[in-house]
Amino acid sequence: MAKITGDNETYLEHIWVNVAKREVKIMDNEGYDEIVTWEFSPDGVDGFTETLKHFREMVPEEQITYL
């Protein structure tokens, strides 16, 4: 997480991806989470696809759950 946020004490714990809803829930090691949702539009699909690509490149498989 430090590479992304600059925070050396907080790190990514897990990501849940709900493809049908175009929704991602990201949880850190302190138990805080954030839900991000993309629109059902051409721009939304582009952003969602790019985000998933980034996750696959940067996050270990065992930290991502696809719903």
C-alpha atoms as a PDB file:
ATOM      1  CA  MET A   1       0.000   0.000   0.000  1.00  0.00           C
ATOM      2  CA  ALA A   2       2.940   2.330   0.622  1.00  0.00           C
ATOM      3  CA  LYS A   3       3.713   2.246  -3.077  1.00  0.00           C
ATOM      4  CA  ILE A   4       0.202   3.523  -3.810  1.00  0.00           C
ATOM      5  CA  THR A   5      -0.592   5.784  -0.835  1.00  0.00           C
ATOM      6  CA  GLY A   6       2.762   6.584   0.753  1.00  0.00           C
ATOM      7  CA  ASP A   7       1.499   5.099   4.052  1.00  0.00           C
ATOM      8  CA  ASN A   8       3.967   2.599   5.524  1.00  0.00           C
ATOM      9  CA  GLU A   9       1.670   1.390   8.333  1.00  0.00           C
ATOM     10  CA  THR A  10      -1.509   0.617   6.421  1.00  0.00           C
ATOM     11  CA  TYR A  11      -1.582  -2.100   3.831  1.00  0.00           C
ATOM     12  CA  LEU A  12      -4.080  -3.809   1.586  1.00  0.00           C
ATOM     13  CA  GLU A  13      -5.723  -6.804   3.214  1.00  0.00           C
ATOM     14  CA  HIS A  14      -8.234  -7.950   0.596  1.00  0.00           C
ATOM     15  CA  ILE A  15     -10.238  -6.933  -2.473  1.00  0.00           C
ATOM     16  CA  TRP A  16     -13.701  -8.221  -3.377  1.00  0.00           C
ATOM     17  CA  VAL A  17     -14.802  -7.714  -6.974  1.00  0.00           C
ATOM     18  CA  ASN A  18     -18.493  -7.924  -7.886  1.00  0.00           C
ATOM     19  CA  VAL A  19     -18.410  -7.991 -11.681  1.00  0.00           C
ATOM     20  CA  ALA A  20     -22.209  -8.005 -12.106  1.00  0.00           C
ATOM     21  CA  LYS A  21     -22.525  -4.771 -10.110  1.00  0.00           C
ATOM     22  CA  ARG A  22     -19.234  -3.244 -11.356  1.00  0.00           C
ATOM     23  CA  GLU A  23     -18.310  -2.816  -7.729  1.00  0.00           C
ATOM     24  CA  VAL A  24     -15.050  -3.253  -5.808  1.00  0.00           C
ATOM     25  CA  LYS A  25     -14.672  -3.386  -2.027  1.00  0.00           C
ATOM     26  CA  ILE A  26     -11.154  -2.754  -0.736  1.00  0.00           C
ATOM     27  CA  MET A  27     -10.235  -3.518   2.897  1.00  0.00           C
ATOM     28  CA  ASP A  28      -7.028  -2.520   4.688  1.00  0.00           C
ATOM     29  CA  ASN A  29      -5.250  -4.249   7.572  1.00  0.00           C
ATOM     30  CA  GLU A  30      -6.983  -2.005  10.111  1.00  0.00           C
ATOM     31  CA  GLY A  31     -10.429  -3.203   9.007  1.00  0.00           C
ATOM     32  CA  TYR A  32     -11.421  -0.065   7.139  1.00  0.00           C
ATOM     33  CA  ASP A  33     -13.041  -0.615   3.796  1.00  0.00           C
ATOM     34  CA  GLU A  34     -14.168   1.389   0.823  1.00  0.00           C
ATOM     35  CA  ILE A  35     -16.615   0.467  -1.910  1.00  0.00           C
ATOM     36  CA  VAL A  36     -16.134   1.863  -5.392  1.00  0.00           C
ATOM     37  CA  THR A  37     -18.810   1.492  -8.080  1.00  0.00           C
ATOM     38  CA  TRP A  38     -18.565   2.233 -11.793  1.00  0.00           C
ATOM     39  CA  GLU A  39     -21.397   3.414 -14.039  1.00  0.00           C
ATOM     40  CA  PHE A  40     -23.039   1.136 -16.586  1.00  0.00           C
ATOM     41  CA  SER A  41     -21.739   3.200 -19.496  1.00  0.00           C
ATOM     42  CA  PRO A  42     -18.836   2.979 -21.962  1.00  0.00           C
ATOM     43  CA  ASP A  43     -16.705   5.124 -19.632  1.00  0.00           C
ATOM     44  CA  GLY A  44     -17.692   2.982 -16.655  1.00  0.00           C
ATOM     45  CA  VAL A  45     -16.691  -0.252 -18.345  1.00  0.00           C
ATOM     46  CA  ASP A  46     -13.352   1.262 -19.386  1.00  0.00           C
ATOM     47  CA  GLY A  47     -12.585   2.395 -15.829  1.00  0.00           C
ATOM     48  CA  PHE A  48     -13.678  -0.895 -14.275  1.00  0.00           C
ATOM     49  CA  THR A  49     -11.633  -2.918 -16.767  1.00  0.00           C
ATOM     50  CA  GLU A  50      -8.542  -0.769 -16.235  1.00  0.00           C
ATOM     51  CA  THR A  51      -8.869  -1.092 -12.448  1.00  0.00           C
ATOM     52  CA  LEU A  52      -9.127  -4.893 -12.612  1.00  0.00           C
ATOM     53  CA  LYS A  53      -6.091  -4.994 -14.905  1.00  0.00           C
ATOM     54  CA  HIS A  54      -4.140  -2.916 -12.374  1.00  0.00           C
ATOM     55  CA  PHE A  55      -5.194  -5.234  -9.521  1.00  0.00           C
ATOM     56  CA  ARG A  56      -4.046  -8.324 -11.455  1.00  0.00           C
ATOM     57  CA  GLU A  57      -0.655  -6.696 -12.070  1.00  0.00           C
ATOM     58  CA  MET A  58      -0.083  -5.353  -8.542  1.00  0.00           C
ATOM     59  CA  VAL A  59      -2.005  -7.557  -6.063  1.00  0.00           C
ATOM     60  CA  PRO A  60      -1.379 -11.256  -5.277  1.00  0.00           C
ATOM     61  CA  GLU A  61      -4.189 -13.552  -6.500  1.00  0.00           C
ATOM     62  CA  GLU A  62      -4.991 -14.779  -2.996  1.00  0.00           C
ATOM     63  CA  GLN A  63      -5.941 -11.235  -1.961  1.00  0.00           C
ATOM     64  CA  ILE A  64      -8.656 -10.895  -4.625  1.00  0.00           C
ATOM     65  CA  THR A  65     -12.070 -12.571  -4.468  1.00  0.00           C
ATOM     66  CA  TYR A  66     -14.392 -12.419  -7.470  1.00  0.00           C
ATOM     67  CA  LEU A  67     -18.081 -12.585  -6.551  1.00  0.00           C
END
